[in-house]
Amino acid sequence: LTTVGQITIPAQASHLPKITNTSSIVNCANNNEISG
C-alpha cells in the first residue's frame, strides 16, 4: 500500500527462499509483515 494506492510486485523467482536457524528462525518486532 503506497501513498498513490496499492501496487503489486510480481514474483521474481520460481520458488520461495528457505530460511532456517538453530533457534527461532524469524523473530518479529511490532508491525511486521512476513510473506513468501
Full PDB file with SEQRES, HELIX, SHEET, SSBOND, CRYST1, ORIGX, SCALE, CONECT and MASTER records, all heavy atoms in Angstrom:
SEQRES   1 A   36  LEU THR THR VAL GLY GLN ILE THR ILE PRO ALA GLN ALA          
SEQRES   2 A   36  SER HIS LEU PRO LYS ILE THR ASN THR SER SER ILE VAL          
SEQRES   3 A   36  ASN CYS ALA ASN ASN ASN GLU ILE SER GLY                      
CRYST1    1.000    1.000    1.000  90.00  90.00  90.00 P 1           1          
ORIGX1      1.000000  0.000000  0.000000        0.00000                         
ORIGX2      0.000000  1.000000  0.000000        0.00000                         
ORIGX3      0.000000  0.000000  1.000000        0.00000                         
SCALE1      1.000000  0.000000  0.000000        0.00000                         
SCALE2      0.000000  1.000000  0.000000        0.00000                         
SCALE3      0.000000  0.000000  1.000000        0.00000                         
ATOM      1  N   LEU A   1       0.859  -1.169   0.000  1.00  0.00           N  
ATOM      2  CA  LEU A   1       0.000   0.000   0.000  1.00  0.00           C  
ATOM      3  C   LEU A   1       0.904   1.230   0.000  1.00  0.00           C  
ATOM      4  O   LEU A   1       1.750   1.385   0.884  1.00  0.00           O  
ATOM      5  CB  LEU A   1      -0.907  -0.001   1.223  1.00  0.00           C  
ATOM      6  CG  LEU A   1      -1.920   1.124   1.304  1.00  0.00           C  
ATOM      7  CD1 LEU A   1      -2.852   1.092   0.089  1.00  0.00           C  
ATOM      8  CD2 LEU A   1      -2.726   1.003   2.583  1.00  0.00           C  
ATOM      9  N   THR A   2       0.765   2.087  -0.998  1.00  0.00           N  
ATOM     10  CA  THR A   2       1.585   3.299  -1.117  1.00  0.00           C  
ATOM     11  C   THR A   2       0.693   4.527  -0.994  1.00  0.00           C  
ATOM     12  O   THR A   2      -0.533   4.404  -0.929  1.00  0.00           O  
ATOM     13  CB  THR A   2       2.328   3.348  -2.466  1.00  0.00           C  
ATOM     14  OG1 THR A   2       1.373   3.609  -3.512  1.00  0.00           O  
ATOM     15  CG2 THR A   2       3.065   2.045  -2.749  1.00  0.00           C  
ATOM     16  N   THR A   3       1.276   5.683  -1.019  1.00  0.00           N  
ATOM     17  CA  THR A   3       0.504   6.925  -0.943  1.00  0.00           C  
ATOM     18  C   THR A   3      -0.346   7.155  -2.180  1.00  0.00           C  
ATOM     19  O   THR A   3      -1.252   7.975  -2.159  1.00  0.00           O  
ATOM     20  CB  THR A   3       1.436   8.131  -0.730  1.00  0.00           C  
ATOM     21  OG1 THR A   3       2.380   8.170  -1.799  1.00  0.00           O  
ATOM     22  CG2 THR A   3       2.155   8.044   0.605  1.00  0.00           C  
ATOM     23  N   VAL A   4      -0.056   6.454  -3.277  1.00  0.00           N  
ATOM     24  CA  VAL A   4      -0.847   6.593  -4.506  1.00  0.00           C  
ATOM     25  C   VAL A   4      -1.692   5.351  -4.769  1.00  0.00           C  
ATOM     26  O   VAL A   4      -2.219   5.176  -5.864  1.00  0.00           O  
ATOM     27  CB  VAL A   4       0.050   6.907  -5.728  1.00  0.00           C  
ATOM     28  CG1 VAL A   4       0.702   8.266  -5.585  1.00  0.00           C  
ATOM     29  CG2 VAL A   4       1.104   5.829  -5.922  1.00  0.00           C  
ATOM     30  N   GLY A   5      -1.817   4.492  -3.795  1.00  0.00           N  
ATOM     31  CA  GLY A   5      -2.638   3.292  -3.952  1.00  0.00           C  
ATOM     32  C   GLY A   5      -1.826   2.014  -3.794  1.00  0.00           C  
ATOM     33  O   GLY A   5      -0.642   2.042  -3.451  1.00  0.00           O  
ATOM     34  N   GLN A   6      -2.486   0.927  -4.068  1.00  0.00           N  
ATOM     35  CA  GLN A   6      -1.874  -0.386  -3.918  1.00  0.00           C  
ATOM     36  C   GLN A   6      -1.098  -0.768  -5.173  1.00  0.00           C  
ATOM     37  O   GLN A   6      -1.558  -0.529  -6.282  1.00  0.00           O  
ATOM     38  CB  GLN A   6      -2.985  -1.404  -3.672  1.00  0.00           C  
ATOM     39  CG  GLN A   6      -2.515  -2.771  -3.309  1.00  0.00           C  
ATOM     40  CD  GLN A   6      -3.688  -3.649  -2.889  1.00  0.00           C  
ATOM     41  OE1 GLN A   6      -4.597  -3.199  -2.201  1.00  0.00           O  
ATOM     42  NE2 GLN A   6      -3.674  -4.886  -3.316  1.00  0.00           N  
ATOM     43  N   ILE A   7       0.107  -1.335  -4.978  1.00  0.00           N  
ATOM     44  CA  ILE A   7       0.888  -1.843  -6.103  1.00  0.00           C  
ATOM     45  C   ILE A   7       1.251  -3.292  -5.821  1.00  0.00           C  
ATOM     46  O   ILE A   7       1.318  -3.721  -4.673  1.00  0.00           O  
ATOM     47  CB  ILE A   7       2.172  -1.025  -6.364  1.00  0.00           C  
ATOM     48  CG1 ILE A   7       3.134  -1.102  -5.173  1.00  0.00           C  
ATOM     49  CG2 ILE A   7       1.856   0.409  -6.720  1.00  0.00           C  
ATOM     50  CD1 ILE A   7       4.527  -0.593  -5.463  1.00  0.00           C  
ATOM     51  N   THR A   8       1.475  -4.047  -6.881  1.00  0.00           N  
ATOM     52  CA  THR A   8       1.885  -5.440  -6.745  1.00  0.00           C  
ATOM     53  C   THR A   8       3.243  -5.625  -7.380  1.00  0.00           C  
ATOM     54  O   THR A   8       3.469  -5.230  -8.526  1.00  0.00           O  
ATOM     55  CB  THR A   8       0.866  -6.387  -7.411  1.00  0.00           C  
ATOM     56  OG1 THR A   8      -0.387  -6.226  -6.744  1.00  0.00           O  
ATOM     57  CG2 THR A   8       1.304  -7.835  -7.304  1.00  0.00           C  
ATOM     58  N   ILE A   9       4.145  -6.228  -6.624  1.00  0.00           N  
ATOM     59  CA  ILE A   9       5.457  -6.614  -7.147  1.00  0.00           C  
ATOM     60  C   ILE A   9       5.309  -8.061  -7.599  1.00  0.00           C  
ATOM     61  O   ILE A   9       5.079  -8.949  -6.769  1.00  0.00           O  
ATOM     62  CB  ILE A   9       6.547  -6.519  -6.064  1.00  0.00           C  
ATOM     63  CG1 ILE A   9       6.617  -5.109  -5.486  1.00  0.00           C  
ATOM     64  CG2 ILE A   9       7.903  -6.968  -6.611  1.00  0.00           C  
ATOM     65  CD1 ILE A   9       7.429  -4.998  -4.215  1.00  0.00           C  
ATOM     66  N   PRO A  10       5.403  -8.335  -8.902  1.00  0.00           N  
ATOM     67  CA  PRO A  10       5.244  -9.724  -9.354  1.00  0.00           C  
ATOM     68  C   PRO A  10       6.405 -10.590  -8.877  1.00  0.00           C  
ATOM     69  O   PRO A  10       7.513 -10.098  -8.635  1.00  0.00           O  
ATOM     70  CB  PRO A  10       5.238  -9.620 -10.879  1.00  0.00           C  
ATOM     71  CG  PRO A  10       5.647  -8.244 -11.218  1.00  0.00           C  
ATOM     72  CD  PRO A  10       5.629  -7.409  -9.986  1.00  0.00           C  
ATOM     73  N   ALA A  11       6.125 -11.886  -8.709  1.00  0.00           N  
ATOM     74  CA  ALA A  11       7.163 -12.830  -8.285  1.00  0.00           C  
ATOM     75  C   ALA A  11       8.375 -12.714  -9.202  1.00  0.00           C  
ATOM     76  O   ALA A  11       8.241 -12.641 -10.423  1.00  0.00           O  
ATOM     77  CB  ALA A  11       6.612 -14.247  -8.300  1.00  0.00           C  
ATOM     78  N   GLN A  12       9.558 -12.711  -8.615  1.00  0.00           N  
ATOM     79  CA  GLN A  12      10.812 -12.598  -9.357  1.00  0.00           C  
ATOM     80  C   GLN A  12      11.593 -13.912  -9.368  1.00  0.00           C  
ATOM     81  O   GLN A  12      12.721 -13.956  -9.865  1.00  0.00           O  
ATOM     82  CB  GLN A  12      11.682 -11.500  -8.728  1.00  0.00           C  
ATOM     83  CG  GLN A  12      11.018 -10.143  -8.675  1.00  0.00           C  
ATOM     84  CD  GLN A  12      10.792  -9.549 -10.042  1.00  0.00           C  
ATOM     85  OE1 GLN A  12      11.716  -9.455 -10.844  1.00  0.00           O  
ATOM     86  NE2 GLN A  12       9.562  -9.181 -10.335  1.00  0.00           N  
ATOM     87  N   ALA A  13      11.001 -14.974  -8.798  1.00  0.00           N  
ATOM     88  CA  ALA A  13      11.658 -16.287  -8.726  1.00  0.00           C  
ATOM     89  C   ALA A  13      10.581 -17.366  -8.835  1.00  0.00           C  
ATOM     90  O   ALA A  13       9.397 -17.098  -8.631  1.00  0.00           O  
ATOM     91  CB  ALA A  13      12.437 -16.426  -7.420  1.00  0.00           C  
ATOM     92  N   SER A  14      11.015 -18.584  -9.129  1.00  0.00           N  
ATOM     93  CA  SER A  14      10.058 -19.678  -9.311  1.00  0.00           C  
ATOM     94  C   SER A  14       9.728 -20.420  -8.022  1.00  0.00           C  
ATOM     95  O   SER A  14       8.797 -21.222  -8.001  1.00  0.00           O  
ATOM     96  CB  SER A  14      10.599 -20.666 -10.349  1.00  0.00           C  
ATOM     97  OG  SER A  14      11.836 -21.201  -9.910  1.00  0.00           O  
ATOM     98  N   HIS A  15      10.464 -20.173  -6.934  1.00  0.00           N  
ATOM     99  CA  HIS A  15      10.150 -20.818  -5.663  1.00  0.00           C  
ATOM    100  C   HIS A  15      10.519 -19.906  -4.495  1.00  0.00           C  
ATOM    101  O   HIS A  15      11.200 -18.903  -4.671  1.00  0.00           O  
ATOM    102  CB  HIS A  15      10.802 -22.200  -5.543  1.00  0.00           C  
ATOM    103  CG  HIS A  15      12.292 -22.204  -5.716  1.00  0.00           C  
ATOM    104  ND1 HIS A  15      12.912 -22.147  -6.941  1.00  0.00           N  
ATOM    105  CD2 HIS A  15      13.288 -22.257  -4.819  1.00  0.00           C  
ATOM    106  CE1 HIS A  15      14.217 -22.162  -6.789  1.00  0.00           C  
ATOM    107  NE2 HIS A  15      14.472 -22.226  -5.505  1.00  0.00           N  
ATOM    108  N   LEU A  16      10.054 -20.292  -3.316  1.00  0.00           N  
ATOM    109  CA  LEU A  16      10.268 -19.472  -2.118  1.00  0.00           C  
ATOM    110  C   LEU A  16      11.674 -19.657  -1.564  1.00  0.00           C  
ATOM    111  O   LEU A  16      12.219 -20.760  -1.606  1.00  0.00           O  
ATOM    112  CB  LEU A  16       9.267 -19.878  -1.029  1.00  0.00           C  
ATOM    113  CG  LEU A  16       7.787 -19.852  -1.387  1.00  0.00           C  
ATOM    114  CD1 LEU A  16       6.961 -20.280  -0.177  1.00  0.00           C  
ATOM    115  CD2 LEU A  16       7.363 -18.488  -1.880  1.00  0.00           C  
ATOM    116  N   PRO A  17      12.256 -18.613  -1.001  1.00  0.00           N  
ATOM    117  CA  PRO A  17      13.549 -18.758  -0.326  1.00  0.00           C  
ATOM    118  C   PRO A  17      13.365 -19.527   0.986  1.00  0.00           C  
ATOM    119  O   PRO A  17      12.374 -19.341   1.692  1.00  0.00           O  
ATOM    120  CB  PRO A  17      13.988 -17.320  -0.072  1.00  0.00           C  
ATOM    121  CG  PRO A  17      12.722 -16.535  -0.029  1.00  0.00           C  
ATOM    122  CD  PRO A  17      11.785 -17.225  -0.974  1.00  0.00           C  
ATOM    123  N   LYS A  18      14.331 -20.402   1.300  1.00  0.00           N  
ATOM    124  CA  LYS A  18      14.299 -21.184   2.536  1.00  0.00           C  
ATOM    125  C   LYS A  18      15.171 -20.509   3.580  1.00  0.00           C  
ATOM    126  O   LYS A  18      16.298 -20.116   3.296  1.00  0.00           O  
ATOM    127  CB  LYS A  18      14.841 -22.596   2.298  1.00  0.00           C  
ATOM    128  CG  LYS A  18      13.952 -23.462   1.464  1.00  0.00           C  
ATOM    129  CD  LYS A  18      14.543 -24.870   1.340  1.00  0.00           C  
ATOM    130  CE  LYS A  18      13.674 -25.759   0.510  1.00  0.00           C  
ATOM    131  NZ  LYS A  18      14.223 -27.123   0.432  1.00  0.00           N  
ATOM    132  N   ILE A  19      14.624 -20.421   4.803  1.00  0.00           N  
ATOM    133  CA  ILE A  19      15.365 -19.861   5.930  1.00  0.00           C  
ATOM    134  C   ILE A  19      15.258 -20.830   7.100  1.00  0.00           C  
ATOM    135  O   ILE A  19      14.188 -21.369   7.371  1.00  0.00           O  
ATOM    136  CB  ILE A  19      14.825 -18.478   6.335  1.00  0.00           C  
ATOM    137  CG1 ILE A  19      14.921 -17.486   5.184  1.00  0.00           C  
ATOM    138  CG2 ILE A  19      15.577 -17.940   7.549  1.00  0.00           C  
ATOM    139  CD1 ILE A  19      14.340 -16.120   5.485  1.00  0.00           C  
ATOM    140  N   THR A  20      16.366 -21.052   7.801  1.00  0.00           N  
ATOM    141  CA  THR A  20      16.378 -21.898   8.983  1.00  0.00           C  
ATOM    142  C   THR A  20      17.291 -21.279  10.031  1.00  0.00           C  
ATOM    143  O   THR A  20      17.881 -20.228   9.802  1.00  0.00           O  
ATOM    144  CB  THR A  20      16.811 -23.346   8.630  1.00  0.00           C  
ATOM    145  OG1 THR A  20      16.506 -24.199   9.728  1.00  0.00           O  
ATOM    146  CG2 THR A  20      18.265 -23.434   8.262  1.00  0.00           C  
ATOM    147  N   ASN A  21      17.391 -21.930  11.177  1.00  0.00           N  
ATOM    148  CA  ASN A  21      18.265 -21.472  12.257  1.00  0.00           C  
ATOM    149  C   ASN A  21      18.293 -22.559  13.322  1.00  0.00           C  
ATOM    150  O   ASN A  21      17.452 -23.455  13.316  1.00  0.00           O  
ATOM    151  CB  ASN A  21      17.748 -20.161  12.856  1.00  0.00           C  
ATOM    152  CG  ASN A  21      18.778 -19.453  13.711  1.00  0.00           C  
ATOM    153  OD1 ASN A  21      19.944 -19.846  13.768  1.00  0.00           O  
ATOM    154  ND2 ASN A  21      18.365 -18.391  14.371  1.00  0.00           N  
ATOM    155  N   THR A  22      19.224 -22.478  14.253  1.00  0.00           N  
ATOM    156  CA  THR A  22      19.261 -23.419  15.363  1.00  0.00           C  
ATOM    157  C   THR A  22      18.419 -22.940  16.538  1.00  0.00           C  
ATOM    158  O   THR A  22      18.337 -23.614  17.551  1.00  0.00           O  
ATOM    159  CB  THR A  22      20.704 -23.674  15.832  1.00  0.00           C  
ATOM    160  OG1 THR A  22      21.287 -22.421  16.179  1.00  0.00           O  
ATOM    161  CG2 THR A  22      21.514 -24.342  14.735  1.00  0.00           C  
ATOM    162  N   SER A  23      17.808 -21.754  16.427  1.00  0.00           N  
ATOM    163  CA  SER A  23      16.814 -21.281  17.389  1.00  0.00           C  
ATOM    164  C   SER A  23      15.701 -20.625  16.573  1.00  0.00           C  
ATOM    165  O   SER A  23      15.515 -20.990  15.421  1.00  0.00           O  
ATOM    166  CB  SER A  23      17.442 -20.336  18.412  1.00  0.00           C  
ATOM    167  OG  SER A  23      17.947 -19.200  17.794  1.00  0.00           O  
ATOM    168  N   SER A  24      14.977 -19.669  17.111  1.00  0.00           N  
ATOM    169  CA  SER A  24      13.885 -19.052  16.350  1.00  0.00           C  
ATOM    170  C   SER A  24      14.393 -18.575  14.992  1.00  0.00           C  
ATOM    171  O   SER A  24      15.448 -17.966  14.891  1.00  0.00           O  
ATOM    172  CB  SER A  24      13.302 -17.879  17.134  1.00  0.00           C  
ATOM    173  OG  SER A  24      12.718 -18.327  18.323  1.00  0.00           O  
ATOM    174  N   ILE A  25      13.613 -18.845  13.968  1.00  0.00           N  
ATOM    175  CA  ILE A  25      14.059 -18.549  12.605  1.00  0.00           C  
ATOM    176  C   ILE A  25      13.765 -17.098  12.231  1.00  0.00           C  
ATOM    177  O   ILE A  25      14.621 -16.400  11.705  1.00  0.00           O  
ATOM    178  CB  ILE A  25      13.423 -19.545  11.627  1.00  0.00           C  
ATOM    179  CG1 ILE A  25      13.922 -20.952  11.981  1.00  0.00           C  
ATOM    180  CG2 ILE A  25      13.757 -19.189  10.185  1.00  0.00           C  
ATOM    181  CD1 ILE A  25      13.101 -22.064  11.415  1.00  0.00           C  
ATOM    182  N   VAL A  26      12.558 -16.643  12.491  1.00  0.00           N  
ATOM    183  CA  VAL A  26      12.217 -15.232  12.293  1.00  0.00           C  
ATOM    184  C   VAL A  26      11.726 -14.702  13.633  1.00  0.00           C  
ATOM    185  O   VAL A  26      10.752 -15.215  14.187  1.00  0.00           O  
ATOM    186  CB  VAL A  26      11.131 -15.042  11.217  1.00  0.00           C  
ATOM    187  CG1 VAL A  26      10.777 -13.561  11.074  1.00  0.00           C  
ATOM    188  CG2 VAL A  26      11.561 -15.619   9.877  1.00  0.00           C  
ATOM    189  N   ASN A  27      12.402 -13.697  14.146  1.00  0.00           N  
ATOM    190  CA  ASN A  27      11.980 -13.015  15.363  1.00  0.00           C  
ATOM    191  C   ASN A  27      11.297 -11.721  14.963  1.00  0.00           C  
ATOM    192  O   ASN A  27      11.913 -10.858  14.332  1.00  0.00           O  
ATOM    193  CB  ASN A  27      13.182 -12.723  16.269  1.00  0.00           C  
ATOM    194  CG  ASN A  27      13.724 -13.990  16.876  1.00  0.00           C  
ATOM    195  OD1 ASN A  27      13.050 -14.656  17.646  1.00  0.00           O  
ATOM    196  ND2 ASN A  27      14.948 -14.339  16.504  1.00  0.00           N  
ATOM    197  N   CYS A  28      10.030 -11.604  15.313  1.00  0.00           N  
ATOM    198  CA  CYS A  28       9.226 -10.446  14.923  1.00  0.00           C  
ATOM    199  C   CYS A  28       9.470  -9.244  15.824  1.00  0.00           C  
ATOM    200  O   CYS A  28       9.916  -9.381  16.957  1.00  0.00           O  
ATOM    201  CB  CYS A  28       7.750 -10.796  15.009  1.00  0.00           C  
ATOM    202  SG  CYS A  28       7.240 -12.158  13.963  1.00  0.00           S  
ATOM    203  N   ALA A  29       9.118  -8.100  15.281  1.00  0.00           N  
ATOM    204  CA  ALA A  29       9.011  -6.859  16.039  1.00  0.00           C  
ATOM    205  C   ALA A  29       7.597  -6.334  15.775  1.00  0.00           C  
ATOM    206  O   ALA A  29       6.776  -7.026  15.173  1.00  0.00           O  
ATOM    207  CB  ALA A  29      10.078  -5.867  15.593  1.00  0.00           C  
ATOM    208  N   ASN A  30       7.299  -5.130  16.196  1.00  0.00           N  
ATOM    209  CA  ASN A  30       5.966  -4.575  16.001  1.00  0.00           C  
ATOM    210  C   ASN A  30       5.720  -4.204  14.543  1.00  0.00           C  
ATOM    211  O   ASN A  30       6.591  -3.666  13.866  1.00  0.00           O  
ATOM    212  CB  ASN A  30       5.775  -3.340  16.882  1.00  0.00           C  
ATOM    213  CG  ASN A  30       5.811  -3.702  18.344  1.00  0.00           C  
ATOM    214  OD1 ASN A  30       5.038  -4.547  18.803  1.00  0.00           O  
ATOM    215  ND2 ASN A  30       6.714  -3.091  19.079  1.00  0.00           N  
ATOM    216  N   ASN A  31       4.508  -4.506  14.089  1.00  0.00           N  
ATOM    217  CA  ASN A  31       4.043  -4.101  12.766  1.00  0.00           C  
ATOM    218  C   ASN A  31       4.897  -4.649  11.630  1.00  0.00           C  
ATOM    219  O   ASN A  31       5.253  -3.943  10.698  1.00  0.00           O  
ATOM    220  CB  ASN A  31       3.940  -2.576  12.686  1.00  0.00           C  
ATOM    221  CG  ASN A  31       3.080  -2.133  11.522  1.00  0.00           C  
ATOM    222  OD1 ASN A  31       2.099  -2.779  11.186  1.00  0.00           O  
ATOM    223  ND2 ASN A  31       3.467  -1.046  10.883  1.00  0.00           N  
ATOM    224  N   ASN A  32       5.245  -5.937  11.692  1.00  0.00           N  
ATOM    225  CA  ASN A  32       5.971  -6.608  10.609  1.00  0.00           C  
ATOM    226  C   ASN A  32       4.987  -7.273   9.647  1.00  0.00           C  
ATOM    227  O   ASN A  32       3.844  -7.532   9.991  1.00  0.00           O  
ATOM    228  CB  ASN A  32       6.889  -7.711  11.143  1.00  0.00           C  
ATOM    229  CG  ASN A  32       8.059  -7.207  11.953  1.00  0.00           C  
ATOM    230  OD1 ASN A  32       8.527  -7.904  12.838  1.00  0.00           O  
ATOM    231  ND2 ASN A  32       8.564  -6.018  11.686  1.00  0.00           N  
ATOM    232  N   GLU A  33       5.480  -7.555   8.459  1.00  0.00           N  
ATOM    233  CA  GLU A  33       4.768  -8.397   7.501  1.00  0.00           C  
ATOM    234  C   GLU A  33       5.758  -9.431   6.995  1.00  0.00           C  
ATOM    235  O   GLU A  33       6.872  -9.091   6.604  1.00  0.00           O  
ATOM    236  CB  GLU A  33       4.205  -7.581   6.342  1.00  0.00           C  
ATOM    237  CG  GLU A  33       3.399  -8.416   5.370  1.00  0.00           C  
ATOM    238  CD  GLU A  33       2.719  -7.599   4.286  1.00  0.00           C  
ATOM    239  OE1 GLU A  33       2.841  -6.359   4.272  1.00  0.00           O  
ATOM    240  OE2 GLU A  33       2.064  -8.220   3.424  1.00  0.00           O  
ATOM    241  N   ILE A  34       5.344 -10.699   7.014  1.00  0.00           N  
ATOM    242  CA  ILE A  34       6.196 -11.805   6.575  1.00  0.00           C  
ATOM    243  C   ILE A  34       5.425 -12.578   5.524  1.00  0.00           C  
ATOM    244  O   ILE A  34       4.351 -13.122   5.802  1.00  0.00           O  
ATOM    245  CB  ILE A  34       6.568 -12.714   7.760  1.00  0.00           C  
ATOM    246  CG1 ILE A  34       7.264 -11.902   8.852  1.00  0.00           C  
ATOM    247  CG2 ILE A  34       7.455 -13.867   7.285  1.00  0.00           C  
ATOM    248  CD1 ILE A  34       7.311 -12.600  10.193  1.00  0.00           C  
ATOM    249  N   SER A  35       5.958 -12.635   4.303  1.00  0.00           N  
ATOM    250  CA  SER A  35       5.235 -13.246   3.193  1.00  0.00           C  
ATOM    251  C   SER A  35       6.203 -13.886   2.199  1.00  0.00           C  
ATOM    252  O   SER A  35       7.243 -13.315   1.870  1.00  0.00           O  
ATOM    253  CB  SER A  35       4.423 -12.160   2.474  1.00  0.00           C  
ATOM    254  OG  SER A  35       3.836 -12.654   1.299  1.00  0.00           O  
ATOM    255  N   GLY A  36       5.849 -15.067   1.729  1.00  0.00           N  
ATOM    256  CA  GLY A  36       6.615 -15.708   0.665  1.00  0.00           C  
ATOM    257  C   GLY A  36       7.905 -16.357   1.107  1.00  0.00           C  
ATOM    258  O   GLY A  36       8.845 -16.474   0.323  1.00  0.00           O  
TER     259      GLY A  36                                                      
MASTER        0    0    0    0    0    0    0    6  258    1    0    3          
END                                                                             
